[in-house]
PDB file of all heavy atoms in Angstrom:
ATOM      1  N   GLU A   1     111.364 121.254  99.887  1.00  0.00           N
ATOM      2  CA  GLU A   1     110.678 120.258 100.700  1.00  0.00           C
ATOM      3  C   GLU A   1     109.196 120.231 100.353  1.00  0.00           C
ATOM      4  O   GLU A   1     108.563 121.281 100.237  1.00  0.00           O
ATOM      5  CB  GLU A   1     110.822 120.581 102.187  1.00  0.00           C
ATOM      6  CG  GLU A   1     112.241 120.602 102.699  1.00  0.00           C
ATOM      7  CD  GLU A   1     112.287 120.803 104.210  1.00  0.00           C
ATOM      8  OE1 GLU A   1     111.404 120.255 104.897  1.00  0.00           O
ATOM      9  OE2 GLU A   1     113.189 121.513 104.684  1.00  0.00           O
ATOM     10  N   THR A   2     108.650 119.043 100.195  1.00  0.00           N
ATOM     11  CA  THR A   2     107.216 118.891 100.011  1.00  0.00           C
ATOM     12  C   THR A   2     106.511 119.146 101.341  1.00  0.00           C
ATOM     13  O   THR A   2     106.886 118.595 102.370  1.00  0.00           O
ATOM     14  CB  THR A   2     106.886 117.472  99.518  1.00  0.00           C
ATOM     15  OG1 THR A   2     107.486 117.277  98.231  1.00  0.00           O
ATOM     16  CG2 THR A   2     105.381 117.266  99.402  1.00  0.00           C
ATOM     17  N   SER A   3     105.484 119.985 101.299  1.00  0.00           N
ATOM     18  CA  SER A   3     104.761 120.326 102.517  1.00  0.00           C
ATOM     19  C   SER A   3     103.249 120.384 102.240  1.00  0.00           C
ATOM     20  O   SER A   3     102.830 120.977 101.248  1.00  0.00           O
ATOM     21  CB  SER A   3     105.239 121.674 103.046  1.00  0.00           C
ATOM     22  OG  SER A   3     104.511 122.059 104.195  1.00  0.00           O
ATOM     23  N   PRO A   4     102.423 119.744 103.086  1.00  0.00           N
ATOM     24  CA  PRO A   4     102.862 118.948 104.242  1.00  0.00           C
ATOM     25  C   PRO A   4     103.366 117.579 103.806  1.00  0.00           C
ATOM     26  O   PRO A   4     102.922 117.060 102.779  1.00  0.00           O
ATOM     27  CB  PRO A   4     101.569 118.809 105.053  1.00  0.00           C
ATOM     28  CG  PRO A   4     100.478 118.853 104.019  1.00  0.00           C
ATOM     29  CD  PRO A   4     100.943 119.820 102.976  1.00  0.00           C
ATOM     30  N   GLN A   5     104.280 117.027 104.567  1.00  0.00           N
ATOM     31  CA  GLN A   5     104.753 115.676 104.279  1.00  0.00           C
ATOM     32  C   GLN A   5     103.830 114.677 104.973  1.00  0.00           C
ATOM     33  O   GLN A   5     103.571 114.809 106.168  1.00  0.00           O
ATOM     34  CB  GLN A   5     106.193 115.498 104.746  1.00  0.00           C
ATOM     35  CG  GLN A   5     107.181 116.325 103.941  1.00  0.00           C
ATOM     36  CD  GLN A   5     108.619 115.927 104.160  1.00  0.00           C
ATOM     37  OE1 GLN A   5     108.926 115.083 104.993  1.00  0.00           O
ATOM     38  NE2 GLN A   5     109.520 116.527 103.404  1.00  0.00           N
ATOM     39  N   PRO A   6     103.345 113.685 104.233  1.00  0.00           N
ATOM     40  CA  PRO A   6     102.450 112.698 104.847  1.00  0.00           C
ATOM     41  C   PRO A   6     103.147 111.946 105.978  1.00  0.00           C
ATOM     42  O   PRO A   6     104.372 111.759 105.961  1.00  0.00           O
ATOM     43  CB  PRO A   6     102.121 111.748 103.689  1.00  0.00           C
ATOM     44  CG  PRO A   6     102.408 112.536 102.454  1.00  0.00           C
ATOM     45  CD  PRO A   6     103.558 113.432 102.808  1.00  0.00           C
ATOM     46  N   SER A   7     102.369 111.513 106.955  1.00  0.00           N
ATOM     47  CA  SER A   7     102.917 110.702 108.046  1.00  0.00           C
ATOM     48  C   SER A   7     103.384 109.364 107.504  1.00  0.00           C
ATOM     49  O   SER A   7     102.996 108.938 106.407  1.00  0.00           O
ATOM     50  CB  SER A   7     101.847 110.467 109.111  1.00  0.00           C
ATOM     51  OG  SER A   7     100.791 109.676 108.577  1.00  0.00           O
ATOM     52  N   SER A   8     104.223 108.685 108.260  1.00  0.00           N
ATOM     53  CA  SER A   8     104.752 107.380 107.833  1.00  0.00           C
ATOM     54  C   SER A   8     103.629 106.370 107.637  1.00  0.00           C
ATOM     55  O   SER A   8     103.751 105.450 106.814  1.00  0.00           O
ATOM     56  CB  SER A   8     105.764 106.864 108.856  1.00  0.00           C
ATOM     57  OG  SER A   8     105.173 106.778 110.139  1.00  0.00           O
ATOM     58  N   ASP A   9     102.529 106.532 108.373  1.00  0.00           N
ATOM     59  CA  ASP A   9     101.390 105.628 108.226  1.00  0.00           C
ATOM     60  C   ASP A   9     100.613 105.897 106.935  1.00  0.00           C
ATOM     61  O   ASP A   9     100.124 104.966 106.290  1.00  0.00           O
ATOM     62  CB  ASP A   9     100.440 105.766 109.426  1.00  0.00           C
ATOM     63  CG  ASP A   9     101.044 105.244 110.719  1.00  0.00           C
ATOM     64  OD1 ASP A   9     101.968 104.404 110.639  1.00  0.00           O
ATOM     65  OD2 ASP A   9     100.614 105.676 111.798  1.00  0.00           O
ATOM     66  N   LYS A  10     100.514 107.169 106.580  1.00  0.00           N
ATOM     67  CA  LYS A  10      99.705 107.551 105.418  1.00  0.00           C
ATOM     68  C   LYS A  10     100.480 107.502 104.096  1.00  0.00           C
ATOM     69  O   LYS A  10      99.902 107.290 103.033  1.00  0.00           O
ATOM     70  CB  LYS A  10      99.147 108.962 105.631  1.00  0.00           C
ATOM     71  CG  LYS A  10      98.129 109.393 104.575  1.00  0.00           C
ATOM     72  CD  LYS A  10      97.485 110.718 104.943  1.00  0.00           C
ATOM     73  CE  LYS A  10      96.558 111.223 103.837  1.00  0.00           C
ATOM     74  NZ  LYS A  10      95.491 110.273 103.510  1.00  0.00           N
ATOM     75  N   LEU A  11     101.798 107.677 104.157  1.00  0.00           N
ATOM     76  CA  LEU A  11     102.602 107.781 102.937  1.00  0.00           C
ATOM     77  C   LEU A  11     102.414 106.596 101.983  1.00  0.00           C
ATOM     78  O   LEU A  11     102.309 106.813 100.766  1.00  0.00           O
ATOM     79  CB  LEU A  11     104.085 107.940 103.300  1.00  0.00           C
ATOM     80  CG  LEU A  11     105.039 108.270 102.151  1.00  0.00           C
ATOM     81  CD1 LEU A  11     104.621 109.561 101.437  1.00  0.00           C
ATOM     82  CD2 LEU A  11     106.476 108.393 102.665  1.00  0.00           C
ATOM     83  N   PRO A  12     102.364 105.337 102.473  1.00  0.00           N
ATOM     84  CA  PRO A  12     102.194 104.211 101.538  1.00  0.00           C
ATOM     85  C   PRO A  12     100.942 104.307 100.677  1.00  0.00           C
ATOM     86  O   PRO A  12     100.919 103.766  99.558  1.00  0.00           O
ATOM     87  CB  PRO A  12     102.133 102.988 102.473  1.00  0.00           C
ATOM     88  CG  PRO A  12     102.895 103.398 103.681  1.00  0.00           C
ATOM     89  CD  PRO A  12     102.578 104.856 103.857  1.00  0.00           C
ATOM     90  N   GLU A  13      99.912 105.001 101.151  1.00  0.00           N
ATOM     91  CA  GLU A  13      98.677 105.133 100.375  1.00  0.00           C
ATOM     92  C   GLU A  13      98.923 105.864  99.059  1.00  0.00           C
ATOM     93  O   GLU A  13      98.219 105.618  98.063  1.00  0.00           O
ATOM     94  CB  GLU A  13      97.622 105.895 101.191  1.00  0.00           C
ATOM     95  CG  GLU A  13      97.175 105.187 102.460  1.00  0.00           C
ATOM     96  CD  GLU A  13      96.192 106.022 103.272  1.00  0.00           C
ATOM     97  OE1 GLU A  13      95.679 107.034 102.730  1.00  0.00           O
ATOM     98  OE2 GLU A  13      95.957 105.677 104.444  1.00  0.00           O
ATOM     99  N   TYR A  14      99.914 106.757  99.035  1.00  0.00           N
ATOM    100  CA  TYR A  14     100.198 107.522  97.829  1.00  0.00           C
ATOM    101  C   TYR A  14     100.969 106.715  96.780  1.00  0.00           C
ATOM    102  O   TYR A  14     101.200 107.201  95.670  1.00  0.00           O
ATOM    103  CB  TYR A  14     100.975 108.793  98.186  1.00  0.00           C
ATOM    104  CG  TYR A  14     100.158 109.792  98.983  1.00  0.00           C
ATOM    105  CD1 TYR A  14     100.252 109.861 100.367  1.00  0.00           C
ATOM    106  CD2 TYR A  14      99.275 110.659  98.338  1.00  0.00           C
ATOM    107  CE1 TYR A  14      99.503 110.768 101.098  1.00  0.00           C
ATOM    108  CE2 TYR A  14      98.517 111.575  99.065  1.00  0.00           C
ATOM    109  CZ  TYR A  14      98.636 111.620 100.436  1.00  0.00           C
ATOM    110  OH  TYR A  14      97.887 112.521 101.167  1.00  0.00           O
ATOM    111  N   TYR A  15     101.364 105.504  97.146  1.00  0.00           N
ATOM    112  CA  TYR A  15     102.025 104.615  96.193  1.00  0.00           C
ATOM    113  C   TYR A  15     101.060 103.561  95.649  1.00  0.00           C
ATOM    114  O   TYR A  15     101.434 102.761  94.803  1.00  0.00           O
ATOM    115  CB  TYR A  15     103.204 103.899  96.861  1.00  0.00           C
ATOM    116  CG  TYR A  15     104.390 104.795  97.155  1.00  0.00           C
ATOM    117  CD1 TYR A  15     104.459 105.524  98.335  1.00  0.00           C
ATOM    118  CD2 TYR A  15     105.444 104.902  96.257  1.00  0.00           C
ATOM    119  CE1 TYR A  15     105.544 106.342  98.622  1.00  0.00           C
ATOM    120  CE2 TYR A  15     106.541 105.715  96.526  1.00  0.00           C
ATOM    121  CZ  TYR A  15     106.576 106.432  97.706  1.00  0.00           C
ATOM    122  OH  TYR A  15     107.656 107.243  97.984  1.00  0.00           O
ATOM    123  N   GLU A  16      99.827 103.552  96.144  1.00  0.00           N
ATOM    124  CA  GLU A  16      98.860 102.525  95.770  1.00  0.00           C
ATOM    125  C   GLU A  16      98.159 102.905  94.478  1.00  0.00           C
ATOM    126  O   GLU A  16      97.037 103.398  94.462  1.00  0.00           O
ATOM    127  CB  GLU A  16      97.848 102.310  96.898  1.00  0.00           C
ATOM    128  CG  GLU A  16      98.476 101.704  98.150  1.00  0.00           C
ATOM    129  CD  GLU A  16      97.501 101.606  99.307  1.00  0.00           C
ATOM    130  OE1 GLU A  16      96.324 102.023  99.134  1.00  0.00           O
ATOM    131  OE2 GLU A  16      97.907 101.117 100.374  1.00  0.00           O
ATOM    132  N   SER A  17      98.853 102.670  93.384  1.00  0.00           N
ATOM    133  CA  SER A  17      98.313 102.988  92.068  1.00  0.00           C
ATOM    134  C   SER A  17      98.957 102.085  91.036  1.00  0.00           C
ATOM    135  O   SER A  17     100.160 101.817  91.095  1.00  0.00           O
ATOM    136  CB  SER A  17      98.585 104.455  91.710  1.00  0.00           C
ATOM    137  OG  SER A  17      98.314 104.696  90.347  1.00  0.00           O
ATOM    138  N   GLU A  18      98.162 101.627  90.077  1.00  0.00           N
ATOM    139  CA  GLU A  18      98.722 100.849  88.975  1.00  0.00           C
ATOM    140  C   GLU A  18      99.649 101.695  88.122  1.00  0.00           C
ATOM    141  O   GLU A  18     100.454 101.183  87.357  1.00  0.00           O
ATOM    142  CB  GLU A  18      97.590 100.292  88.099  1.00  0.00           C
ATOM    143  CG  GLU A  18      96.758  99.219  88.794  1.00  0.00           C
ATOM    144  CD  GLU A  18      95.684  98.664  87.882  1.00  0.00           C
ATOM    145  OE1 GLU A  18      95.605  99.141  86.724  1.00  0.00           O
ATOM    146  OE2 GLU A  18      94.952  97.762  88.320  1.00  0.00           O
ATOM    147  N   ASP A  19      99.548 103.024  88.269  1.00  0.00           N
ATOM    148  CA  ASP A  19     100.383 103.923  87.484  1.00  0.00           C
ATOM    149  C   ASP A  19     101.746 104.156  88.117  1.00  0.00           C
ATOM    150  O   ASP A  19     102.579 104.845  87.523  1.00  0.00           O
ATOM    151  CB  ASP A  19      99.675 105.275  87.301  1.00  0.00           C
ATOM    152  CG  ASP A  19      98.436 105.154  86.436  1.00  0.00           C
ATOM    153  OD1 ASP A  19      98.424 104.284  85.556  1.00  0.00           O
ATOM    154  OD2 ASP A  19      97.485 105.933  86.659  1.00  0.00           O
ATOM    155  N   TYR A  20     101.968 103.594  89.337  1.00  0.00           N
ATOM    156  CA  TYR A  20     103.286 103.789  89.930  1.00  0.00           C
ATOM    157  C   TYR A  20     104.233 102.775  89.314  1.00  0.00           C
ATOM    158  O   TYR A  20     104.338 101.627  89.716  1.00  0.00           O
ATOM    159  CB  TYR A  20     103.263 103.690  91.456  1.00  0.00           C
ATOM    160  CG  TYR A  20     104.528 104.288  92.032  1.00  0.00           C
ATOM    161  CD1 TYR A  20     104.750 105.665  91.915  1.00  0.00           C
ATOM    162  CD2 TYR A  20     105.518 103.508  92.580  1.00  0.00           C
ATOM    163  CE1 TYR A  20     105.930 106.237  92.359  1.00  0.00           C
ATOM    164  CE2 TYR A  20     106.700 104.073  93.025  1.00  0.00           C
ATOM    165  CZ  TYR A  20     106.887 105.428  92.914  1.00  0.00           C
ATOM    166  OH  TYR A  20     108.061 105.986  93.341  1.00  0.00           O
ATOM    167  N   ILE A  21     104.945 103.234  88.301  1.00  0.00           N
ATOM    168  CA  ILE A  21     105.569 102.349  87.320  1.00  0.00           C
ATOM    169  C   ILE A  21     106.742 101.534  87.846  1.00  0.00           C
ATOM    170  O   ILE A  21     106.979 100.425  87.395  1.00  0.00           O
ATOM    171  CB  ILE A  21     105.984 103.179  86.074  1.00  0.00           C
ATOM    172  CG1 ILE A  21     106.288 102.265  84.891  1.00  0.00           C
ATOM    173  CG2 ILE A  21     107.168 104.086  86.382  1.00  0.00           C
ATOM    174  CD1 ILE A  21     106.356 103.006  83.584  1.00  0.00           C
ATOM    175  N   SER A  22     107.487 102.040  88.823  1.00  0.00           N
ATOM    176  CA  SER A  22     108.663 101.306  89.281  1.00  0.00           C
ATOM    177  C   SER A  22     108.281 100.071  90.091  1.00  0.00           C
ATOM    178  O   SER A  22     109.137  99.257  90.410  1.00  0.00           O
ATOM    179  CB  SER A  22     109.574 102.213  90.118  1.00  0.00           C
ATOM    180  OG  SER A  22     108.966 102.546  91.338  1.00  0.00           O
ATOM    181  N   HIS A  23     106.998  99.925  90.416  1.00  0.00           N
ATOM    182  CA  HIS A  23     106.542  98.761  91.174  1.00  0.00           C
ATOM    183  C   HIS A  23     105.889  97.699  90.292  1.00  0.00           C
ATOM    184  O   HIS A  23     105.375  96.709  90.781  1.00  0.00           O
ATOM    185  CB  HIS A  23     105.549  99.190  92.270  1.00  0.00           C
ATOM    186  CG  HIS A  23     106.197  99.964  93.368  1.00  0.00           C
ATOM    187  ND1 HIS A  23     105.467 100.651  94.315  1.00  0.00           N
ATOM    188  CD2 HIS A  23     107.500 100.166  93.680  1.00  0.00           C
ATOM    189  CE1 HIS A  23     106.296 101.244  95.167  1.00  0.00           C
ATOM    190  NE2 HIS A  23     107.532 100.968  94.788  1.00  0.00           N
ATOM    191  N   THR A  24     105.907  97.913  88.965  1.00  0.00           N
ATOM    192  CA  THR A  24     105.290  96.949  88.062  1.00  0.00           C
ATOM    193  C   THR A  24     106.188  96.715  86.857  1.00  0.00           C
ATOM    194  O   THR A  24     107.151  97.445  86.618  1.00  0.00           O
ATOM    195  CB  THR A  24     103.918  97.445  87.553  1.00  0.00           C
ATOM    196  OG1 THR A  24     104.136  98.475  86.587  1.00  0.00           O
ATOM    197  CG2 THR A  24     103.051  97.973  88.683  1.00  0.00           C
ATOM    198  N   ASN A  25     105.833  95.701  86.075  1.00  0.00           N
ATOM    199  CA  ASN A  25     106.517  95.453  84.807  1.00  0.00           C
ATOM    200  C   ASN A  25     105.583  95.712  83.626  1.00  0.00           C
ATOM    201  O   ASN A  25     105.809  95.218  82.526  1.00  0.00           O
ATOM    202  CB  ASN A  25     107.016  94.003  84.750  1.00  0.00           C
ATOM    203  CG  ASN A  25     108.256  93.792  85.604  1.00  0.00           C
ATOM    204  OD1 ASN A  25     109.095  94.689  85.711  1.00  0.00           O
ATOM    205  ND2 ASN A  25     108.384  92.633  86.227  1.00  0.00           N
TER     206      ASN A  25
END
């Protein structure tokens, strides 16, 4: 388990990157 796990409000911030490849082409 990843610890600490970000809250549901904060977790989306960790996906905010041009390098997150599954969200781009």
